[in-house]
Amino acid sequence: MNISLINPQDTTGSHKKMLDQIEKGFGKVPNMFLAIGNSPAALESMWASFGALSKGKLGAKLGEKIAVLVADINRCEYCLAAHTVLGQKAGATAGEMAAAQAGEANDTRTQAALNFARRLVKTRGQVDAKDIADVRAVFSEEEMAEILAHVALNTFTNYTNVAFGVPVDFPSVPLR
């Protein structure tokens, strides 16, 4: 581990309030939030992004499928484990989550989202006109922006966990 995990009992004010909200949402404060919580500003950025995207048009199940694909590409064992659990809580089967991790889906909509997410990560956002046309054929511009936001948030969480060596506190899922 390359950064300490904060103790929520040592926090006060809005910092403590955020950690209390996270605990309420997860039943505990996952290690990732204890790591990024070394900076109240970074924690607020991450937590606010999760909250905002939870109100989006894509829905939790598709968001979690995007998350496992991005985690696998970025080699983030922590996020792969966490989002596999969260995806199943959102209604996806274990098989659907494993397929999403590989960038595969059995429906056109999910496949288009995963294809676009993969291209965003692999090209570092330098997608081409065909990538845009392919995703636009299935999604509104609002939804396209949300797919990008999911990729960006998951890249933030992936980098947090990989760079800081955050201990995985969800059931392990092997990277591909």
Protein backbone atom coordinates (compact mmCIF):
# COMPACT_ATOMS: atom_id res chain seq x y z
CA MET A 1 0.00 0.00 0.00
CA ASN A 2 1.43 3.34 -1.09
CA ILE A 3 -0.90 5.61 0.93
CA SER A 4 -2.44 5.28 4.35
CA LEU A 5 -6.12 4.57 4.84
CA ILE A 6 -7.70 7.31 6.90
CA ASN A 7 -9.64 6.54 10.05
CA PRO A 8 -13.18 7.93 9.66
CA GLN A 9 -13.26 8.55 13.43
CA ASP A 10 -10.48 11.11 12.97
CA THR A 11 -12.51 13.22 10.52
CA THR A 12 -14.83 16.13 11.21
CA GLY A 13 -17.32 18.40 9.46
CA SER A 14 -18.13 17.85 5.80
CA HIS A 15 -15.33 15.24 5.53
CA LYS A 16 -17.02 13.10 8.18
CA LYS A 17 -20.44 13.72 6.63
CA MET A 18 -19.25 12.35 3.26
CA LEU A 19 -17.74 9.27 4.90
CA ASP A 20 -21.00 8.72 6.81
CA GLN A 21 -22.92 8.90 3.49
CA ILE A 22 -20.52 6.41 1.92
CA GLU A 23 -20.92 4.05 4.87
CA LYS A 24 -24.70 4.33 4.60
CA GLY A 25 -24.53 3.54 0.87
CA PHE A 26 -22.18 0.56 1.13
CA GLY A 27 -22.72 -0.70 4.69
CA LYS A 28 -19.06 0.19 5.33
CA VAL A 29 -16.53 2.66 4.01
CA PRO A 30 -14.64 0.75 1.29
CA ASN A 31 -10.86 1.06 1.36
CA MET A 32 -10.81 3.07 -1.87
CA PHE A 33 -12.65 5.93 -0.16
CA LEU A 34 -10.37 5.66 2.88
CA ALA A 35 -7.37 6.05 0.58
CA ILE A 36 -8.64 8.97 -1.52
CA GLY A 37 -10.12 10.44 1.67
CA ASN A 38 -6.65 11.65 2.60
CA SER A 39 -7.82 14.67 0.59
CA PRO A 40 -11.31 15.88 1.43
CA ALA A 41 -11.41 17.62 -1.98
CA ALA A 42 -10.52 14.44 -3.87
CA LEU A 43 -13.05 12.44 -1.84
CA GLU A 44 -15.75 15.03 -2.55
CA SER A 45 -14.94 14.94 -6.27
CA MET A 46 -15.18 11.16 -6.43
CA TRP A 47 -18.29 10.84 -4.25
CA ALA A 48 -20.13 13.66 -6.05
CA SER A 49 -19.42 12.00 -9.40
CA PHE A 50 -20.89 8.70 -8.19
CA GLY A 51 -23.96 10.57 -6.95
CA ALA A 52 -24.44 12.53 -10.15
CA LEU A 53 -24.11 9.48 -12.41
CA SER A 54 -26.52 7.48 -10.26
CA LYS A 55 -29.22 9.91 -11.46
CA GLY A 56 -28.31 9.50 -15.13
CA LYS A 57 -30.19 7.95 -18.02
CA LEU A 58 -27.93 4.92 -18.48
CA GLY A 59 -28.97 3.12 -15.30
CA ALA A 60 -26.90 1.32 -12.71
CA LYS A 61 -26.64 -1.99 -14.54
CA LEU A 62 -25.11 -0.50 -17.69
CA GLY A 63 -22.89 1.80 -15.63
CA GLU A 64 -21.50 -1.21 -13.75
CA LYS A 65 -20.87 -3.09 -17.00
CA ILE A 66 -18.88 -0.12 -18.29
CA ALA A 67 -17.00 -0.06 -14.97
CA VAL A 68 -15.83 -3.69 -15.16
CA LEU A 69 -14.63 -3.25 -18.73
CA VAL A 70 -12.68 -0.11 -17.85
CA ALA A 71 -11.28 -1.80 -14.72
CA ASP A 72 -10.07 -4.76 -16.74
CA ILE A 73 -8.43 -2.58 -19.39
CA ASN A 74 -6.74 -0.48 -16.68
CA ARG A 75 -5.74 -3.62 -14.73
CA CYS A 76 -7.57 -2.51 -11.58
CA GLU A 77 -8.34 -5.56 -9.46
CA TYR A 78 -10.05 -3.41 -6.82
CA CYS A 79 -12.61 -1.86 -9.17
CA LEU A 80 -13.18 -5.11 -11.03
CA ALA A 81 -14.08 -6.80 -7.74
CA ALA A 82 -16.22 -3.92 -6.45
CA HIS A 83 -18.15 -3.30 -9.67
CA THR A 84 -18.79 -7.00 -10.25
CA VAL A 85 -20.60 -7.06 -6.89
CA LEU A 86 -22.37 -3.76 -7.59
CA GLY A 87 -23.43 -4.94 -11.05
CA GLN A 88 -25.04 -8.03 -9.61
CA LYS A 89 -26.80 -5.87 -7.01
CA ALA A 90 -28.07 -3.76 -9.94
CA GLY A 91 -29.61 -6.85 -11.57
CA ALA A 92 -26.90 -8.21 -13.86
CA THR A 93 -26.01 -11.89 -13.71
CA ALA A 94 -22.49 -13.10 -12.98
CA GLY A 95 -22.29 -14.18 -16.62
CA GLU A 96 -23.32 -10.75 -17.88
CA MET A 97 -20.68 -9.10 -15.72
CA ALA A 98 -17.98 -11.52 -16.93
CA ALA A 99 -19.02 -10.84 -20.53
CA ALA A 100 -18.93 -7.07 -19.94
CA GLN A 101 -15.44 -7.42 -18.46
CA ALA A 102 -14.45 -8.93 -21.82
CA GLY A 103 -16.26 -6.13 -23.68
CA GLU A 104 -19.10 -8.37 -24.80
CA ALA A 105 -22.87 -8.12 -24.46
CA ASN A 106 -25.88 -9.95 -25.84
CA ASP A 107 -27.80 -6.78 -26.72
CA THR A 108 -27.01 -4.03 -29.20
CA ARG A 109 -27.35 -1.16 -26.73
CA THR A 110 -24.94 -2.56 -24.15
CA GLN A 111 -22.50 -3.65 -26.86
CA ALA A 112 -22.45 -0.15 -28.35
CA ALA A 113 -21.76 1.38 -24.92
CA LEU A 114 -18.97 -1.10 -24.22
CA ASN A 115 -17.42 -0.56 -27.65
CA PHE A 116 -17.40 3.21 -27.13
CA ALA A 117 -16.05 2.89 -23.59
CA ARG A 118 -13.26 0.59 -24.80
CA ARG A 119 -12.32 3.02 -27.57
CA LEU A 120 -12.30 5.95 -25.14
CA VAL A 121 -9.90 4.14 -22.81
CA LYS A 122 -7.68 2.58 -25.47
CA THR A 123 -7.33 5.80 -27.48
CA ARG A 124 -7.19 8.08 -24.40
CA GLY A 125 -10.24 9.89 -25.74
CA GLN A 126 -8.88 10.25 -29.28
CA VAL A 127 -11.91 8.55 -30.85
CA ASP A 128 -12.66 8.93 -34.54
CA ALA A 129 -15.77 9.79 -36.55
CA LYS A 130 -16.73 6.12 -36.90
CA ASP A 131 -16.63 5.63 -33.11
CA ILE A 132 -18.95 8.60 -32.68
CA ALA A 133 -21.27 7.47 -35.48
CA ASP A 134 -21.49 3.97 -34.02
CA VAL A 135 -22.44 5.16 -30.53
CA ARG A 136 -24.74 7.89 -31.88
CA ALA A 137 -26.69 5.23 -33.81
CA VAL A 138 -27.81 3.76 -30.48
CA PHE A 139 -27.56 6.54 -27.87
CA SER A 140 -28.67 10.14 -27.50
CA GLU A 141 -26.02 12.80 -27.05
CA GLU A 142 -26.96 12.98 -23.37
CA GLU A 143 -26.28 9.26 -23.01
CA MET A 144 -23.05 9.52 -25.02
CA ALA A 145 -21.84 12.15 -22.56
CA GLU A 146 -22.78 9.88 -19.65
CA ILE A 147 -20.83 6.97 -21.11
CA LEU A 148 -17.79 9.26 -21.29
CA ALA A 149 -18.43 10.41 -17.70
CA HIS A 150 -18.55 6.78 -16.51
CA VAL A 151 -15.25 6.10 -18.25
CA ALA A 152 -13.69 9.20 -16.69
CA LEU A 153 -14.93 8.39 -13.17
CA ASN A 154 -13.81 4.79 -13.44
CA THR A 155 -10.41 5.85 -14.72
CA PHE A 156 -10.12 8.09 -11.63
CA THR A 157 -11.05 5.21 -9.32
CA ASN A 158 -8.83 2.75 -11.21
CA TYR A 159 -5.82 5.03 -10.95
CA THR A 160 -6.53 5.63 -7.26
CA ASN A 161 -6.49 1.92 -6.48
CA VAL A 162 -3.63 0.91 -8.76
CA ALA A 163 -1.29 3.82 -7.95
CA PHE A 164 -1.90 3.66 -4.22
CA GLY A 165 -2.05 -0.16 -3.99
CA VAL A 166 -5.38 -0.06 -2.16
CA PRO A 167 -6.18 -3.44 -0.53
CA VAL A 168 -9.21 -5.11 -2.15
CA ASP A 169 -12.07 -5.47 0.31
CA PHE A 170 -14.59 -7.09 -2.07
CA PRO A 171 -14.65 -10.71 -3.32
CA SER A 172 -11.76 -11.09 -5.77
CA VAL A 173 -12.41 -11.36 -9.51
CA PRO A 174 -9.50 -12.31 -11.81
CA LEU A 175 -8.39 -9.86 -14.47
CA ARG A 176 -8.46 -11.15 -18.03
